[in-house]
Amino acid sequence: QAGQQSIDFAYDVVFNYWPAIFAVI
């Protein structure tokens, strides 16, 4: 259960914060 929730969390981080990630880059 922790693995599936962590996968969802990781995707949420990338998709929700991609503008910030690309801004830092």
PDB file of all heavy atoms in Angstrom:
ATOM      1  N   GLN A   1       0.829  -1.203   0.000  1.00  0.00           N
ATOM      2  CA  GLN A   1       0.000   0.000   0.000  1.00  0.00           C
ATOM      3  C   GLN A   1       0.859   1.248   0.000  1.00  0.00           C
ATOM      4  O   GLN A   1       0.575   2.215  -0.720  1.00  0.00           O
ATOM      5  CB  GLN A   1      -0.914  -0.001   1.226  1.00  0.00           C
ATOM      6  CG  GLN A   1      -1.850   1.216   1.289  1.00  0.00           C
ATOM      7  CD  GLN A   1      -2.720   1.200   2.543  1.00  0.00           C
ATOM      8  OE1 GLN A   1      -2.610   0.291   3.372  1.00  0.00           O
ATOM      9  NE2 GLN A   1      -3.567   2.197   2.692  1.00  0.00           N
ATOM     10  N   ALA A   2       1.928   1.232   0.790  1.00  0.00           N
ATOM     11  CA  ALA A   2       2.834   2.378   0.853  1.00  0.00           C
ATOM     12  C   ALA A   2       3.494   2.620  -0.501  1.00  0.00           C
ATOM     13  O   ALA A   2       3.691   3.771  -0.917  1.00  0.00           O
ATOM     14  CB  ALA A   2       3.898   2.146   1.925  1.00  0.00           C
ATOM     15  N   GLY A   3       3.835   1.521  -1.206  1.00  0.00           N
ATOM     16  CA  GLY A   3       4.466   1.663  -2.510  1.00  0.00           C
ATOM     17  C   GLY A   3       3.564   2.346  -3.519  1.00  0.00           C
ATOM     18  O   GLY A   3       3.981   3.236  -4.254  1.00  0.00           O
ATOM     19  N   GLN A   4       2.277   1.908  -3.559  1.00  0.00           N
ATOM     20  CA  GLN A   4       1.338   2.502  -4.512  1.00  0.00           C
ATOM     21  C   GLN A   4       1.072   3.969  -4.186  1.00  0.00           C
ATOM     22  O   GLN A   4       1.025   4.828  -5.076  1.00  0.00           O
ATOM     23  CB  GLN A   4       0.025   1.718  -4.494  1.00  0.00           C
ATOM     24  CG  GLN A   4      -0.987   2.189  -5.545  1.00  0.00           C
ATOM     25  CD  GLN A   4      -0.430   2.113  -6.948  1.00  0.00           C
ATOM     26  OE1 GLN A   4       0.087   1.078  -7.373  1.00  0.00           O
ATOM     27  NE2 GLN A   4      -0.513   3.215  -7.705  1.00  0.00           N
ATOM     28  N   GLN A   5       0.913   4.270  -2.903  1.00  0.00           N
ATOM     29  CA  GLN A   5       0.693   5.654  -2.496  1.00  0.00           C
ATOM     30  C   GLN A   5       1.915   6.519  -2.808  1.00  0.00           C
ATOM     31  O   GLN A   5       1.787   7.695  -3.188  1.00  0.00           O
ATOM     32  CB  GLN A   5       0.360   5.717  -1.013  1.00  0.00           C
ATOM     33  CG  GLN A   5      -0.990   5.127  -0.652  1.00  0.00           C
ATOM     34  CD  GLN A   5      -1.252   5.135   0.848  1.00  0.00           C
ATOM     35  OE1 GLN A   5      -0.336   5.318   1.649  1.00  0.00           O
ATOM     36  NE2 GLN A   5      -2.519   4.929   1.225  1.00  0.00           N
ATOM     37  N   SER A   6       3.090   5.943  -2.656  1.00  0.00           N
ATOM     38  CA  SER A   6       4.327   6.695  -2.931  1.00  0.00           C
ATOM     39  C   SER A   6       4.488   6.967  -4.416  1.00  0.00           C
ATOM     40  O   SER A   6       4.967   8.029  -4.815  1.00  0.00           O
ATOM     41  CB  SER A   6       5.540   5.918  -2.403  1.00  0.00           C
ATOM     42  OG  SER A   6       5.452   5.764  -0.999  1.00  0.00           O
ATOM     43  N   ILE A   7       4.087   6.000  -5.239  1.00  0.00           N
ATOM     44  CA  ILE A   7       4.130   6.208  -6.688  1.00  0.00           C
ATOM     45  C   ILE A   7       3.200   7.349  -7.083  1.00  0.00           C
ATOM     46  O   ILE A   7       3.577   8.246  -7.854  1.00  0.00           O
ATOM     47  CB  ILE A   7       3.747   4.911  -7.439  1.00  0.00           C
ATOM     48  CG1 ILE A   7       4.848   3.859  -7.278  1.00  0.00           C
ATOM     49  CG2 ILE A   7       3.512   5.202  -8.928  1.00  0.00           C
ATOM     50  CD1 ILE A   7       4.482   2.506  -7.859  1.00  0.00           C
ATOM     51  N   ASP A   8       1.982   7.334  -6.522  1.00  0.00           N
ATOM     52  CA  ASP A   8       1.027   8.404  -6.809  1.00  0.00           C
ATOM     53  C   ASP A   8       1.564   9.757  -6.330  1.00  0.00           C
ATOM     54  O   ASP A   8       1.415  10.767  -7.027  1.00  0.00           O
ATOM     55  CB  ASP A   8      -0.316   8.114  -6.129  1.00  0.00           C
ATOM     56  CG  ASP A   8      -0.995   6.873  -6.697  1.00  0.00           C
ATOM     57  OD1 ASP A   8      -0.668   6.501  -7.842  1.00  0.00           O
ATOM     58  OD2 ASP A   8      -1.832   6.276  -5.981  1.00  0.00           O
ATOM     59  N   PHE A   9       2.181   9.750  -5.161  1.00  0.00           N
ATOM     60  CA  PHE A   9       2.739  10.992  -4.614  1.00  0.00           C
ATOM     61  C   PHE A   9       3.854  11.536  -5.504  1.00  0.00           C
ATOM     62  O   PHE A   9       3.927  12.747  -5.767  1.00  0.00           O
ATOM     63  CB  PHE A   9       3.280  10.738  -3.197  1.00  0.00           C
ATOM     64  CG  PHE A   9       4.008  11.910  -2.608  1.00  0.00           C
ATOM     65  CD1 PHE A   9       3.314  12.988  -2.081  1.00  0.00           C
ATOM     66  CD2 PHE A   9       5.403  11.941  -2.592  1.00  0.00           C
ATOM     67  CE1 PHE A   9       3.985  14.076  -1.548  1.00  0.00           C
ATOM     68  CE2 PHE A   9       6.088  13.024  -2.051  1.00  0.00           C
ATOM     69  CZ  PHE A   9       5.376  14.100  -1.534  1.00  0.00           C
ATOM     70  N   ALA A  10       4.746  10.642  -5.986  1.00  0.00           N
ATOM     71  CA  ALA A  10       5.864  11.067  -6.837  1.00  0.00           C
ATOM     72  C   ALA A  10       5.361  11.680  -8.137  1.00  0.00           C
ATOM     73  O   ALA A  10       5.875  12.718  -8.594  1.00  0.00           O
ATOM     74  CB  ALA A  10       6.784   9.887  -7.122  1.00  0.00           C
ATOM     75  N   TYR A  11       4.313  11.036  -8.726  1.00  0.00           N
ATOM     76  CA  TYR A  11       3.736  11.609  -9.951  1.00  0.00           C
ATOM     77  C   TYR A  11       3.088  12.964  -9.671  1.00  0.00           C
ATOM     78  O   TYR A  11       3.194  13.895 -10.480  1.00  0.00           O
ATOM     79  CB  TYR A  11       2.705  10.651 -10.544  1.00  0.00           C
ATOM     80  CG  TYR A  11       3.298   9.554 -11.389  1.00  0.00           C
ATOM     81  CD1 TYR A  11       3.147   8.226 -11.033  1.00  0.00           C
ATOM     82  CD2 TYR A  11       4.025   9.866 -12.538  1.00  0.00           C
ATOM     83  CE1 TYR A  11       3.704   7.211 -11.813  1.00  0.00           C
ATOM     84  CE2 TYR A  11       4.573   8.860 -13.320  1.00  0.00           C
ATOM     85  CZ  TYR A  11       4.418   7.532 -12.949  1.00  0.00           C
ATOM     86  OH  TYR A  11       4.981   6.548 -13.727  1.00  0.00           O
ATOM     87  N   ASP A  12       2.431  13.093  -8.533  1.00  0.00           N
ATOM     88  CA  ASP A  12       1.804  14.365  -8.170  1.00  0.00           C
ATOM     89  C   ASP A  12       2.847  15.470  -8.036  1.00  0.00           C
ATOM     90  O   ASP A  12       2.629  16.609  -8.471  1.00  0.00           O
ATOM     91  CB  ASP A  12       1.027  14.227  -6.858  1.00  0.00           C
ATOM     92  CG  ASP A  12      -0.261  13.432  -7.023  1.00  0.00           C
ATOM     93  OD1 ASP A  12      -0.723  13.311  -8.180  1.00  0.00           O
ATOM     94  OD2 ASP A  12      -0.783  12.923  -6.008  1.00  0.00           O
ATOM     95  N   VAL A  13       3.976  15.137  -7.424  1.00  0.00           N
ATOM     96  CA  VAL A  13       5.043  16.134  -7.259  1.00  0.00           C
ATOM     97  C   VAL A  13       5.533  16.627  -8.610  1.00  0.00           C
ATOM     98  O   VAL A  13       5.666  17.838  -8.846  1.00  0.00           O
ATOM     99  CB  VAL A  13       6.213  15.539  -6.442  1.00  0.00           C
ATOM    100  CG1 VAL A  13       7.435  16.465  -6.511  1.00  0.00           C
ATOM    101  CG2 VAL A  13       5.801  15.331  -4.994  1.00  0.00           C
ATOM    102  N   VAL A  14       5.803  15.680  -9.514  1.00  0.00           N
ATOM    103  CA  VAL A  14       6.335  16.064 -10.827  1.00  0.00           C
ATOM    104  C   VAL A  14       5.299  16.849 -11.638  1.00  0.00           C
ATOM    105  O   VAL A  14       5.616  17.904 -12.214  1.00  0.00           O
ATOM    106  CB  VAL A  14       6.797  14.814 -11.615  1.00  0.00           C
ATOM    107  CG1 VAL A  14       7.176  15.197 -13.043  1.00  0.00           C
ATOM    108  CG2 VAL A  14       7.973  14.157 -10.913  1.00  0.00           C
ATOM    109  N   PHE A  15       4.051  16.376 -11.674  1.00  0.00           N
ATOM    110  CA  PHE A  15       3.031  17.027 -12.506  1.00  0.00           C
ATOM    111  C   PHE A  15       2.529  18.343 -11.907  1.00  0.00           C
ATOM    112  O   PHE A  15       2.157  19.256 -12.651  1.00  0.00           O
ATOM    113  CB  PHE A  15       1.851  16.072 -12.738  1.00  0.00           C
ATOM    114  CG  PHE A  15       2.143  15.000 -13.730  1.00  0.00           C
ATOM    115  CD1 PHE A  15       2.289  13.688 -13.341  1.00  0.00           C
ATOM    116  CD2 PHE A  15       2.292  15.303 -15.088  1.00  0.00           C
ATOM    117  CE1 PHE A  15       2.573  12.687 -14.272  1.00  0.00           C
ATOM    118  CE2 PHE A  15       2.570  14.316 -16.019  1.00  0.00           C
ATOM    119  CZ  PHE A  15       2.711  13.004 -15.611  1.00  0.00           C
ATOM    120  N   ASN A  16       2.518  18.441 -10.589  1.00  0.00           N
ATOM    121  CA  ASN A  16       2.037  19.670  -9.962  1.00  0.00           C
ATOM    122  C   ASN A  16       3.113  20.739  -9.837  1.00  0.00           C
ATOM    123  O   ASN A  16       2.809  21.935  -9.815  1.00  0.00           O
ATOM    124  CB  ASN A  16       1.459  19.370  -8.577  1.00  0.00           C
ATOM    125  CG  ASN A  16       0.180  18.562  -8.639  1.00  0.00           C
ATOM    126  OD1 ASN A  16      -0.563  18.627  -9.621  1.00  0.00           O
ATOM    127  ND2 ASN A  16      -0.080  17.770  -7.597  1.00  0.00           N
ATOM    128  N   TYR A  17       4.357  20.288  -9.732  1.00  0.00           N
ATOM    129  CA  TYR A  17       5.435  21.257  -9.499  1.00  0.00           C
ATOM    130  C   TYR A  17       6.413  21.344 -10.670  1.00  0.00           C
ATOM    131  O   TYR A  17       7.517  21.871 -10.521  1.00  0.00           O
ATOM    132  CB  TYR A  17       6.199  20.889  -8.220  1.00  0.00           C
ATOM    133  CG  TYR A  17       5.361  21.010  -6.969  1.00  0.00           C
ATOM    134  CD1 TYR A  17       4.741  19.884  -6.426  1.00  0.00           C
ATOM    135  CD2 TYR A  17       5.164  22.239  -6.363  1.00  0.00           C
ATOM    136  CE1 TYR A  17       3.959  19.983  -5.292  1.00  0.00           C
ATOM    137  CE2 TYR A  17       4.392  22.356  -5.218  1.00  0.00           C
ATOM    138  CZ  TYR A  17       3.783  21.227  -4.687  1.00  0.00           C
ATOM    139  OH  TYR A  17       3.000  21.336  -3.555  1.00  0.00           O
ATOM    140  N   TRP A  18       6.026  20.813 -11.851  1.00  0.00           N
ATOM    141  CA  TRP A  18       6.950  20.878 -12.984  1.00  0.00           C
ATOM    142  C   TRP A  18       7.320  22.315 -13.359  1.00  0.00           C
ATOM    143  O   TRP A  18       8.467  22.564 -13.785  1.00  0.00           O
ATOM    144  CB  TRP A  18       6.393  20.120 -14.189  1.00  0.00           C
ATOM    145  CG  TRP A  18       5.186  20.736 -14.856  1.00  0.00           C
ATOM    146  CD1 TRP A  18       3.890  20.426 -14.647  1.00  0.00           C
ATOM    147  CD2 TRP A  18       5.206  21.773 -15.844  1.00  0.00           C
ATOM    148  NE1 TRP A  18       3.063  21.185 -15.427  1.00  0.00           N
ATOM    149  CE2 TRP A  18       3.851  22.027 -16.182  1.00  0.00           C
ATOM    150  CE3 TRP A  18       6.197  22.498 -16.488  1.00  0.00           C
ATOM    151  CZ2 TRP A  18       3.492  22.991 -17.112  1.00  0.00           C
ATOM    152  CZ3 TRP A  18       5.834  23.451 -17.427  1.00  0.00           C
ATOM    153  CH2 TRP A  18       4.492  23.690 -17.739  1.00  0.00           C
ATOM    154  N   PRO A  19       6.411  23.329 -13.215  1.00  0.00           N
ATOM    155  CA  PRO A  19       6.865  24.700 -13.520  1.00  0.00           C
ATOM    156  C   PRO A  19       8.013  25.140 -12.611  1.00  0.00           C
ATOM    157  O   PRO A  19       8.958  25.790 -13.065  1.00  0.00           O
ATOM    158  CB  PRO A  19       5.607  25.541 -13.283  1.00  0.00           C
ATOM    159  CG  PRO A  19       4.473  24.604 -13.457  1.00  0.00           C
ATOM    160  CD  PRO A  19       4.961  23.309 -12.894  1.00  0.00           C
ATOM    161  N   ALA A  20       7.932  24.762 -11.326  1.00  0.00           N
ATOM    162  CA  ALA A  20       9.006  25.124 -10.399  1.00  0.00           C
ATOM    163  C   ALA A  20      10.293  24.380 -10.748  1.00  0.00           C
ATOM    164  O   ALA A  20      11.394  24.957 -10.688  1.00  0.00           O
ATOM    165  CB  ALA A  20       8.585  24.805  -8.965  1.00  0.00           C
ATOM    166  N   ILE A  21      10.161  23.091 -11.126  1.00  0.00           N
ATOM    167  CA  ILE A  21      11.342  22.307 -11.500  1.00  0.00           C
ATOM    168  C   ILE A  21      12.027  22.922 -12.715  1.00  0.00           C
ATOM    169  O   ILE A  21      13.246  23.127 -12.730  1.00  0.00           O
ATOM    170  CB  ILE A  21      10.938  20.845 -11.796  1.00  0.00           C
ATOM    171  CG1 ILE A  21      10.394  20.170 -10.531  1.00  0.00           C
ATOM    172  CG2 ILE A  21      12.125  20.060 -12.353  1.00  0.00           C
ATOM    173  CD1 ILE A  21       9.772  18.796 -10.781  1.00  0.00           C
ATOM    174  N   PHE A  22      11.224  23.249 -13.747  1.00  0.00           N
ATOM    175  CA  PHE A  22      11.789  23.833 -14.954  1.00  0.00           C
ATOM    176  C   PHE A  22      12.312  25.248 -14.698  1.00  0.00           C
ATOM    177  O   PHE A  22      13.277  25.690 -15.337  1.00  0.00           O
ATOM    178  CB  PHE A  22      10.755  23.836 -16.081  1.00  0.00           C
ATOM    179  CG  PHE A  22      10.658  22.529 -16.812  1.00  0.00           C
ATOM    180  CD1 PHE A  22      10.322  21.369 -16.134  1.00  0.00           C
ATOM    181  CD2 PHE A  22      10.926  22.438 -18.165  1.00  0.00           C
ATOM    182  CE1 PHE A  22      10.240  20.149 -16.785  1.00  0.00           C
ATOM    183  CE2 PHE A  22      10.838  21.222 -18.834  1.00  0.00           C
ATOM    184  CZ  PHE A  22      10.496  20.078 -18.145  1.00  0.00           C
ATOM    185  N   ALA A  23      11.706  25.960 -13.743  1.00  0.00           N
ATOM    186  CA  ALA A  23      12.193  27.301 -13.403  1.00  0.00           C
ATOM    187  C   ALA A  23      13.577  27.213 -12.769  1.00  0.00           C
ATOM    188  O   ALA A  23      14.471  28.013 -13.081  1.00  0.00           O
ATOM    189  CB  ALA A  23      11.215  27.996 -12.456  1.00  0.00           C
ATOM    190  N   VAL A  24      13.764  26.245 -11.875  1.00  0.00           N
ATOM    191  CA  VAL A  24      15.074  26.049 -11.250  1.00  0.00           C
ATOM    192  C   VAL A  24      16.111  25.687 -12.309  1.00  0.00           C
ATOM    193  O   VAL A  24      17.248  26.207 -12.312  1.00  0.00           O
ATOM    194  CB  VAL A  24      14.997  24.948 -10.171  1.00  0.00           C
ATOM    195  CG1 VAL A  24      16.401  24.586  -9.672  1.00  0.00           C
ATOM    196  CG2 VAL A  24      14.131  25.413  -9.008  1.00  0.00           C
ATOM    197  N   ILE A  25      15.734  24.793 -13.241  1.00  0.00           N
ATOM    198  CA  ILE A  25      16.640  24.413 -14.329  1.00  0.00           C
ATOM    199  C   ILE A  25      16.996  25.638 -15.169  1.00  0.00           C
ATOM    200  O   ILE A  25      18.156  25.853 -15.531  1.00  0.00           O
ATOM    201  CB  ILE A  25      15.998  23.324 -15.213  1.00  0.00           C
ATOM    202  CG1 ILE A  25      15.816  22.034 -14.414  1.00  0.00           C
ATOM    203  CG2 ILE A  25      16.852  23.059 -16.459  1.00  0.00           C
ATOM    204  CD1 ILE A  25      15.001  20.980 -15.142  1.00  0.00           C
TER     205      ILE A  25
END
